[in-house]
Amino acid sequence: MTSKTLADLAEKMKDIDFTMLSTHGPGGTIAARPMSNNREVDYDGDSWFFTTEDTSMVSEIASDPRVGLSFQGKAGILGMRPFFIAVEGKAELVRDKGQFAEHWTKDLDRWFEQGVDTPGLVLIRVGAERAHYWDGEDEGEVIVDRGSYVGGP
């Protein structure tokens, strides 16, 4: 078994477009939904997603910021080993248009026609605390140092 670094995981994640974002719902339920990574992100332990204020995801994060992200890379029968990452972290709800602009990509216009001025727009920042990975027969865990993280409990 080898040990991967956050940079190693980032290299493998750059071609993954979608993740499943899991939150804690009412009564201890777990809710998951697909979110786009936009394939234009250099992963440094933070993931950024746009949504709107009226989603259950926003109220669930406000109640409990502990979330999970599940990524699956390409795999195939022609010798490509499967690659999976499960990230545990804390989510922060960001409502600052300056940060919206910093993380905006053209592809988001499809979902949010008014861009960063879309009413009720919310940016979700997921700060990773640990990432479990499985890469064929190799598996391990990367602990992400969040010493300066200031969100949720």
N, C-alpha and C. Protein backbone atom coordinates (compact mmCIF):
# COMPACT_ATOMS: atom_id res chain seq x y z
N MET A 1 0.84 -1.18 0.00
CA MET A 1 0.00 0.00 0.00
C MET A 1 0.89 1.24 0.00
N THR A 2 0.54 2.19 -0.86
CA THR A 2 1.29 3.43 -0.93
C THR A 2 0.50 4.54 -0.25
N SER A 3 1.18 5.62 0.07
CA SER A 3 0.51 6.76 0.67
C SER A 3 0.41 7.88 -0.35
N LYS A 4 -0.78 8.34 -0.57
CA LYS A 4 -1.00 9.46 -1.48
C LYS A 4 -1.08 10.74 -0.66
N THR A 5 -0.76 11.84 -1.30
CA THR A 5 -0.86 13.15 -0.68
C THR A 5 -2.09 13.85 -1.22
N LEU A 6 -2.42 14.99 -0.63
CA LEU A 6 -3.53 15.79 -1.14
C LEU A 6 -3.28 16.19 -2.59
N ALA A 7 -2.04 16.50 -2.93
CA ALA A 7 -1.70 16.85 -4.31
C ALA A 7 -1.93 15.67 -5.26
N ASP A 8 -1.63 14.45 -4.81
CA ASP A 8 -1.90 13.26 -5.63
C ASP A 8 -3.39 13.11 -5.89
N LEU A 9 -4.19 13.29 -4.85
CA LEU A 9 -5.64 13.18 -5.00
C LEU A 9 -6.16 14.28 -5.92
N ALA A 10 -5.64 15.49 -5.77
CA ALA A 10 -6.07 16.62 -6.61
C ALA A 10 -5.83 16.32 -8.08
N GLU A 11 -4.71 15.70 -8.39
CA GLU A 11 -4.40 15.35 -9.79
C GLU A 11 -5.44 14.39 -10.35
N LYS A 12 -5.84 13.42 -9.56
CA LYS A 12 -6.84 12.45 -10.02
C LYS A 12 -8.24 13.05 -10.06
N MET A 13 -8.52 14.03 -9.21
CA MET A 13 -9.85 14.62 -9.13
C MET A 13 -10.13 15.63 -10.23
N LYS A 14 -9.11 16.16 -10.88
CA LYS A 14 -9.32 17.26 -11.81
C LYS A 14 -10.19 16.89 -13.01
N ASP A 15 -10.30 15.61 -13.33
CA ASP A 15 -11.13 15.20 -14.44
C ASP A 15 -12.50 14.69 -14.02
N ILE A 16 -12.82 14.77 -12.75
CA ILE A 16 -14.13 14.31 -12.25
C ILE A 16 -15.06 15.50 -12.20
N ASP A 17 -16.17 15.42 -12.93
CA ASP A 17 -17.08 16.56 -13.00
C ASP A 17 -18.08 16.57 -11.84
N PHE A 18 -18.62 15.42 -11.46
CA PHE A 18 -19.69 15.42 -10.46
C PHE A 18 -19.28 14.70 -9.19
N THR A 19 -19.84 15.18 -8.09
CA THR A 19 -19.69 14.55 -6.80
C THR A 19 -21.08 14.41 -6.20
N MET A 20 -21.22 13.51 -5.26
CA MET A 20 -22.45 13.43 -4.48
C MET A 20 -22.17 14.13 -3.16
N LEU A 21 -22.94 15.16 -2.87
CA LEU A 21 -22.83 15.92 -1.62
C LEU A 21 -23.88 15.38 -0.66
N SER A 22 -23.43 14.84 0.47
CA SER A 22 -24.33 14.26 1.47
C SER A 22 -24.41 15.17 2.69
N THR A 23 -25.64 15.39 3.15
CA THR A 23 -25.91 16.21 4.32
C THR A 23 -26.73 15.41 5.31
N HIS A 24 -26.86 15.96 6.51
CA HIS A 24 -27.70 15.34 7.54
C HIS A 24 -29.05 16.04 7.50
N GLY A 25 -30.10 15.26 7.23
CA GLY A 25 -31.44 15.81 7.16
C GLY A 25 -32.18 15.68 8.48
N PRO A 26 -33.45 16.03 8.45
CA PRO A 26 -34.26 15.94 9.67
C PRO A 26 -34.32 14.52 10.23
N GLY A 27 -34.28 14.41 11.54
CA GLY A 27 -34.41 13.12 12.19
C GLY A 27 -33.25 12.16 11.95
N GLY A 28 -32.10 12.70 11.57
CA GLY A 28 -30.93 11.85 11.38
C GLY A 28 -30.82 11.22 10.01
N THR A 29 -31.71 11.57 9.10
CA THR A 29 -31.62 11.01 7.75
C THR A 29 -30.37 11.56 7.05
N ILE A 30 -29.96 10.87 6.01
CA ILE A 30 -28.86 11.34 5.18
C ILE A 30 -29.42 11.61 3.80
N ALA A 31 -29.14 12.80 3.29
CA ALA A 31 -29.61 13.18 1.96
C ALA A 31 -28.40 13.43 1.08
N ALA A 32 -28.46 12.96 -0.16
CA ALA A 32 -27.35 13.15 -1.09
C ALA A 32 -27.89 13.64 -2.42
N ARG A 33 -27.11 14.50 -3.05
CA ARG A 33 -27.49 15.00 -4.36
C ARG A 33 -26.23 15.30 -5.16
N PRO A 34 -26.33 15.18 -6.52
CA PRO A 34 -25.16 15.45 -7.35
C PRO A 34 -24.88 16.95 -7.45
N MET A 35 -23.61 17.28 -7.37
CA MET A 35 -23.17 18.68 -7.52
C MET A 35 -22.01 18.68 -8.51
N SER A 36 -21.93 19.73 -9.31
CA SER A 36 -20.88 19.81 -10.32
C SER A 36 -19.61 20.41 -9.76
N ASN A 37 -18.51 19.77 -10.06
CA ASN A 37 -17.18 20.26 -9.70
C ASN A 37 -16.63 21.15 -10.81
N ASN A 38 -17.33 21.20 -11.94
CA ASN A 38 -17.00 22.02 -13.11
C ASN A 38 -15.68 21.67 -13.78
N ARG A 39 -15.00 20.67 -13.33
CA ARG A 39 -13.73 20.22 -13.91
C ARG A 39 -12.70 21.32 -14.08
N GLU A 40 -12.92 22.45 -13.48
CA GLU A 40 -11.98 23.55 -13.63
C GLU A 40 -11.38 23.94 -12.28
N VAL A 41 -11.39 23.00 -11.36
CA VAL A 41 -10.99 23.30 -10.00
C VAL A 41 -9.67 22.60 -9.66
N ASP A 42 -8.73 23.35 -9.13
CA ASP A 42 -7.51 22.76 -8.58
C ASP A 42 -7.78 22.49 -7.11
N TYR A 43 -7.93 21.24 -6.76
CA TYR A 43 -8.35 20.88 -5.41
C TYR A 43 -7.25 21.13 -4.39
N ASP A 44 -7.58 21.87 -3.35
CA ASP A 44 -6.64 22.18 -2.27
C ASP A 44 -7.21 21.81 -0.91
N GLY A 45 -8.29 21.03 -0.91
CA GLY A 45 -8.97 20.68 0.32
C GLY A 45 -10.30 21.40 0.46
N ASP A 46 -10.54 22.40 -0.39
CA ASP A 46 -11.82 23.12 -0.40
C ASP A 46 -12.55 22.79 -1.70
N SER A 47 -13.84 22.54 -1.58
CA SER A 47 -14.71 22.35 -2.74
C SER A 47 -15.76 23.45 -2.69
N TRP A 48 -16.16 23.93 -3.85
CA TRP A 48 -17.10 25.05 -3.96
C TRP A 48 -18.25 24.67 -4.87
N PHE A 49 -19.47 24.92 -4.40
CA PHE A 49 -20.67 24.58 -5.17
C PHE A 49 -21.68 25.72 -5.05
N PHE A 50 -22.39 25.98 -6.14
CA PHE A 50 -23.46 26.97 -6.12
C PHE A 50 -24.81 26.29 -6.02
N THR A 51 -25.73 26.94 -5.31
CA THR A 51 -27.11 26.49 -5.20
C THR A 51 -27.95 27.72 -4.88
N THR A 52 -29.20 27.51 -4.53
CA THR A 52 -30.05 28.64 -4.13
C THR A 52 -30.56 28.43 -2.71
N GLU A 53 -30.90 29.53 -2.11
CA GLU A 53 -31.31 29.59 -0.70
C GLU A 53 -32.49 28.66 -0.39
N ASP A 54 -33.36 28.41 -1.36
CA ASP A 54 -34.60 27.67 -1.13
C ASP A 54 -34.43 26.15 -1.16
N THR A 55 -33.23 25.64 -1.21
CA THR A 55 -33.02 24.19 -1.26
C THR A 55 -32.96 23.59 0.14
N SER A 56 -33.37 22.34 0.24
CA SER A 56 -33.26 21.66 1.54
C SER A 56 -31.80 21.51 1.94
N MET A 57 -30.91 21.43 0.96
CA MET A 57 -29.48 21.30 1.24
C MET A 57 -28.98 22.48 2.09
N VAL A 58 -29.42 23.69 1.77
CA VAL A 58 -28.98 24.87 2.51
C VAL A 58 -29.47 24.82 3.95
N SER A 59 -30.74 24.46 4.15
CA SER A 59 -31.25 24.39 5.53
C SER A 59 -30.59 23.25 6.30
N GLU A 60 -30.28 22.15 5.63
CA GLU A 60 -29.60 21.03 6.30
C GLU A 60 -28.18 21.42 6.73
N ILE A 61 -27.47 22.14 5.87
CA ILE A 61 -26.12 22.59 6.22
C ILE A 61 -26.17 23.60 7.35
N ALA A 62 -27.17 24.48 7.34
CA ALA A 62 -27.31 25.46 8.41
C ALA A 62 -27.54 24.76 9.76
N SER A 63 -28.24 23.64 9.75
CA SER A 63 -28.50 22.89 10.98
C SER A 63 -27.32 22.02 11.41
N ASP A 64 -26.60 21.48 10.44
CA ASP A 64 -25.48 20.60 10.74
C ASP A 64 -24.47 20.70 9.59
N PRO A 65 -23.36 21.37 9.79
CA PRO A 65 -22.41 21.60 8.70
C PRO A 65 -21.55 20.39 8.32
N ARG A 66 -21.67 19.27 9.04
CA ARG A 66 -20.88 18.08 8.69
C ARG A 66 -21.45 17.46 7.41
N VAL A 67 -20.60 17.32 6.39
CA VAL A 67 -21.04 16.80 5.10
C VAL A 67 -20.04 15.78 4.58
N GLY A 68 -20.46 15.09 3.53
CA GLY A 68 -19.60 14.15 2.83
C GLY A 68 -19.66 14.40 1.34
N LEU A 69 -18.55 14.16 0.67
CA LEU A 69 -18.48 14.24 -0.79
C LEU A 69 -17.98 12.89 -1.30
N SER A 70 -18.62 12.36 -2.33
CA SER A 70 -18.20 11.09 -2.93
C SER A 70 -17.86 11.33 -4.39
N PHE A 71 -16.64 10.95 -4.77
CA PHE A 71 -16.16 11.11 -6.13
C PHE A 71 -15.84 9.75 -6.72
N GLN A 72 -16.14 9.57 -8.00
CA GLN A 72 -15.75 8.35 -8.70
C GLN A 72 -15.07 8.74 -10.00
N GLY A 73 -13.84 8.29 -10.16
CA GLY A 73 -13.10 8.56 -11.37
C GLY A 73 -13.40 7.54 -12.45
N LYS A 74 -12.75 7.70 -13.57
CA LYS A 74 -12.94 6.79 -14.70
C LYS A 74 -12.39 5.41 -14.37
N ALA A 75 -13.08 4.41 -14.87
CA ALA A 75 -12.63 3.03 -14.75
C ALA A 75 -13.11 2.30 -15.98
N GLY A 76 -12.52 1.20 -16.29
CA GLY A 76 -12.96 0.45 -17.46
C GLY A 76 -12.35 -0.92 -17.52
N ILE A 77 -12.80 -1.68 -18.47
CA ILE A 77 -12.32 -3.05 -18.60
C ILE A 77 -10.96 -3.12 -19.27
N LEU A 78 -10.48 -2.03 -19.82
CA LEU A 78 -9.21 -2.04 -20.53
C LEU A 78 -8.05 -1.62 -19.64
N GLY A 79 -8.02 -2.14 -18.44
CA GLY A 79 -6.89 -1.90 -17.56
C GLY A 79 -6.97 -0.64 -16.73
N MET A 80 -8.05 0.14 -16.83
CA MET A 80 -8.17 1.33 -15.98
C MET A 80 -8.71 0.91 -14.62
N ARG A 81 -7.91 1.14 -13.58
CA ARG A 81 -8.36 0.79 -12.24
C ARG A 81 -9.40 1.80 -11.77
N PRO A 82 -10.39 1.34 -11.01
CA PRO A 82 -11.38 2.28 -10.48
C PRO A 82 -10.74 3.20 -9.45
N PHE A 83 -11.24 4.42 -9.35
CA PHE A 83 -10.73 5.39 -8.40
C PHE A 83 -11.91 6.03 -7.68
N PHE A 84 -11.89 5.98 -6.36
CA PHE A 84 -12.96 6.56 -5.54
C PHE A 84 -12.34 7.40 -4.44
N ILE A 85 -13.04 8.50 -4.11
CA ILE A 85 -12.64 9.32 -2.96
C ILE A 85 -13.90 9.64 -2.17
N ALA A 86 -13.83 9.49 -0.86
CA ALA A 86 -14.90 9.91 0.06
C ALA A 86 -14.29 10.96 0.97
N VAL A 87 -14.82 12.18 0.88
CA VAL A 87 -14.32 13.31 1.66
C VAL A 87 -15.28 13.61 2.80
N GLU A 88 -14.74 13.77 3.99
CA GLU A 88 -15.52 14.22 5.13
C GLU A 88 -15.09 15.65 5.44
N GLY A 89 -16.05 16.52 5.70
CA GLY A 89 -15.67 17.90 6.00
C GLY A 89 -16.81 18.69 6.58
N LYS A 90 -16.59 19.98 6.67
CA LYS A 90 -17.61 20.91 7.16
C LYS A 90 -17.92 21.91 6.07
N ALA A 91 -19.22 22.18 5.94
CA ALA A 91 -19.68 23.12 4.93
C ALA A 91 -19.95 24.47 5.54
N GLU A 92 -19.72 25.48 4.74
CA GLU A 92 -19.98 26.87 5.13
C GLU A 92 -20.84 27.48 4.03
N LEU A 93 -21.87 28.21 4.41
CA LEU A 93 -22.74 28.90 3.45
C LEU A 93 -22.21 30.31 3.24
N VAL A 94 -21.88 30.63 2.00
CA VAL A 94 -21.28 31.92 1.67
C VAL A 94 -22.29 32.72 0.85
N ARG A 95 -22.52 33.95 1.25
CA ARG A 95 -23.49 34.81 0.55
C ARG A 95 -22.85 36.12 0.08
N ASP A 96 -21.58 36.06 -0.23
CA ASP A 96 -20.81 37.24 -0.62
C ASP A 96 -20.60 37.25 -2.14
N LYS A 97 -21.08 38.28 -2.83
CA LYS A 97 -20.98 38.35 -4.29
C LYS A 97 -19.53 38.39 -4.77
N GLY A 98 -18.64 38.94 -3.99
CA GLY A 98 -17.23 38.94 -4.35
C GLY A 98 -16.70 37.51 -4.46
N GLN A 99 -17.09 36.66 -3.50
CA GLN A 99 -16.68 35.26 -3.57
C GLN A 99 -17.40 34.52 -4.69
N PHE A 100 -18.66 34.92 -4.96
CA PHE A 100 -19.37 34.32 -6.09
C PHE A 100 -18.55 34.52 -7.36
N ALA A 101 -18.15 35.77 -7.58
CA ALA A 101 -17.41 36.11 -8.80
C ALA A 101 -16.09 35.36 -8.87
N GLU A 102 -15.44 35.18 -7.74
CA GLU A 102 -14.15 34.48 -7.69
C GLU A 102 -14.27 33.02 -8.12
N HIS A 103 -15.42 32.40 -7.86
CA HIS A 103 -15.60 30.98 -8.14
C HIS A 103 -16.52 30.71 -9.33
N TRP A 104 -16.97 31.77 -10.00
CA TRP A 104 -17.92 31.61 -11.11
C TRP A 104 -17.20 31.09 -12.35
N THR A 105 -17.86 30.19 -13.07
CA THR A 105 -17.39 29.75 -14.37
C THR A 105 -18.55 29.92 -15.36
N LYS A 106 -18.21 30.06 -16.60
CA LYS A 106 -19.20 30.30 -17.65
C LYS A 106 -20.27 29.21 -17.69
N ASP A 107 -19.90 27.98 -17.42
CA ASP A 107 -20.84 26.86 -17.45
C ASP A 107 -21.99 27.02 -16.46
N LEU A 108 -21.77 27.80 -15.42
CA LEU A 108 -22.82 28.00 -14.41
C LEU A 108 -23.98 28.83 -14.93
N ASP A 109 -23.77 29.59 -16.00
CA ASP A 109 -24.83 30.42 -16.58
C ASP A 109 -26.04 29.57 -16.99
N ARG A 110 -25.79 28.30 -17.31
CA ARG A 110 -26.88 27.40 -17.69
C ARG A 110 -27.88 27.23 -16.54
N TRP A 111 -27.38 27.19 -15.32
CA TRP A 111 -28.22 26.94 -14.16
C TRP A 111 -28.69 28.22 -13.48
N PHE A 112 -27.89 29.27 -13.59
CA PHE A 112 -28.18 30.53 -12.90
C PHE A 112 -28.09 31.66 -13.92
N GLU A 113 -29.22 31.92 -14.61
CA GLU A 113 -29.23 32.83 -15.76
C GLU A 113 -28.82 34.26 -15.44
N GLN A 114 -28.99 34.68 -14.20
CA GLN A 114 -28.62 36.04 -13.82
C GLN A 114 -27.21 36.10 -13.21
N GLY A 115 -26.48 35.03 -13.37
CA GLY A 115 -25.10 34.99 -12.89
C GLY A 115 -25.01 35.22 -11.39
N VAL A 116 -24.00 35.97 -10.97
CA VAL A 116 -23.79 36.21 -9.54
C VAL A 116 -24.90 37.07 -8.94
N ASP A 117 -25.76 37.65 -9.78
CA ASP A 117 -26.89 38.45 -9.30
C ASP A 117 -28.17 37.63 -9.18
N THR A 118 -28.09 36.33 -9.36
CA THR A 118 -29.26 35.46 -9.22
C THR A 118 -29.82 35.60 -7.81
N PRO A 119 -31.12 35.93 -7.70
CA PRO A 119 -31.72 36.06 -6.37
C PRO A 119 -31.58 34.76 -5.57
N GLY A 120 -31.18 34.88 -4.31
CA GLY A 120 -31.08 33.73 -3.42
C GLY A 120 -29.87 32.84 -3.67
N LEU A 121 -28.92 33.30 -4.48
CA LEU A 121 -27.74 32.49 -4.77
C LEU A 121 -26.91 32.26 -3.50
N VAL A 122 -26.43 31.05 -3.33
CA VAL A 122 -25.59 30.68 -2.19
C VAL A 122 -24.42 29.87 -2.71
N LEU A 123 -23.25 30.14 -2.17
CA LEU A 123 -22.05 29.38 -2.48
C LEU A 123 -21.75 28.49 -1.27
N ILE A 124 -21.56 27.23 -1.53
CA ILE A 124 -21.22 26.29 -0.46
C ILE A 124 -19.74 25.98 -0.55
N ARG A 125 -19.04 26.21 0.54
CA ARG A 125 -17.63 25.84 0.64
C ARG A 125 -17.54 24.63 1.55
N VAL A 126 -16.99 23.54 1.03
CA VAL A 126 -16.78 22.35 1.84
C VAL A 126 -15.28 22.27 2.14
N GLY A 127 -14.94 22.44 3.40
CA GLY A 127 -13.56 22.32 3.84
C GLY A 127 -13.30 20.89 4.28
N ALA A 128 -12.47 20.18 3.53
CA ALA A 128 -12.19 18.78 3.83
C ALA A 128 -11.42 18.64 5.14
N GLU A 129 -11.74 17.60 5.88
CA GLU A 129 -10.99 17.25 7.09
C GLU A 129 -10.22 15.95 6.87
N ARG A 130 -10.81 15.05 6.11
CA ARG A 130 -10.13 13.80 5.77
C ARG A 130 -10.70 13.30 4.45
N ALA A 131 -9.86 12.59 3.73
CA ALA A 131 -10.27 12.00 2.45
C ALA A 131 -9.81 10.55 2.42
N HIS A 132 -10.75 9.67 2.21
CA HIS A 132 -10.45 8.24 2.07
C HIS A 132 -10.41 7.96 0.57
N TYR A 133 -9.42 7.21 0.12
CA TYR A 133 -9.34 6.91 -1.30
C TYR A 133 -9.14 5.42 -1.54
N TRP A 134 -9.64 4.97 -2.68
CA TRP A 134 -9.46 3.61 -3.15
C TRP A 134 -9.05 3.72 -4.62
N ASP A 135 -7.91 3.19 -4.93
CA ASP A 135 -7.36 3.29 -6.29
C ASP A 135 -6.95 1.89 -6.72
N GLY A 136 -7.91 1.13 -7.23
CA GLY A 136 -7.62 -0.27 -7.55
C GLY A 136 -7.36 -1.03 -6.27
N GLU A 137 -6.15 -1.52 -6.09
CA GLU A 137 -5.81 -2.26 -4.88
C GLU A 137 -5.19 -1.37 -3.81
N ASP A 138 -4.96 -0.12 -4.12
CA ASP A 138 -4.35 0.83 -3.19
C ASP A 138 -5.45 1.61 -2.48
N GLU A 139 -5.33 1.75 -1.18
CA GLU A 139 -6.29 2.56 -0.44
C GLU A 139 -5.57 3.25 0.70
N GLY A 140 -6.16 4.33 1.15
CA GLY A 140 -5.56 5.06 2.25
C GLY A 140 -6.41 6.25 2.65
N GLU A 141 -5.84 7.08 3.48
CA GLU A 141 -6.54 8.25 4.02
C GLU A 141 -5.57 9.42 4.07
N VAL A 142 -6.09 10.58 3.71
CA VAL A 142 -5.33 11.81 3.81
C VAL A 142 -6.05 12.70 4.82
N ILE A 143 -5.35 13.12 5.85
CA ILE A 143 -5.91 14.06 6.82
C ILE A 143 -5.55 15.46 6.34
N VAL A 144 -6.57 16.31 6.22
CA VAL A 144 -6.36 17.66 5.73
C VAL A 144 -6.27 18.60 6.93
N ASP A 145 -5.19 19.32 7.04
CA ASP A 145 -4.98 20.24 8.15
C ASP A 145 -5.87 21.45 7.97
N ARG A 146 -6.88 21.58 8.80
CA ARG A 146 -7.83 22.70 8.72
C ARG A 146 -7.63 23.62 9.92
N GLY A 147 -6.42 23.79 10.35
CA GLY A 147 -6.12 24.58 11.55
C GLY A 147 -6.78 25.94 11.58
N SER A 148 -6.96 26.56 10.42
CA SER A 148 -7.52 27.91 10.41
C SER A 148 -8.99 27.91 10.02
N TYR A 149 -9.61 26.75 9.92
CA TYR A 149 -11.02 26.69 9.54
C TYR A 149 -11.89 27.32 10.62
N VAL A 150 -12.80 28.19 10.18
CA VAL A 150 -13.66 28.88 11.14
C VAL A 150 -15.11 28.66 10.77
N GLY A 151 -15.65 27.50 10.82
CA GLY A 151 -17.04 27.28 10.49
C GLY A 151 -17.63 26.24 11.39
N GLY A 152 -18.90 26.32 11.65
CA GLY A 152 -19.64 25.31 12.37
C GLY A 152 -18.95 24.67 13.56
N PRO A 153 -19.63 23.77 14.21
CA PRO A 153 -19.07 23.10 15.38
C PRO A 153 -18.01 22.09 15.02
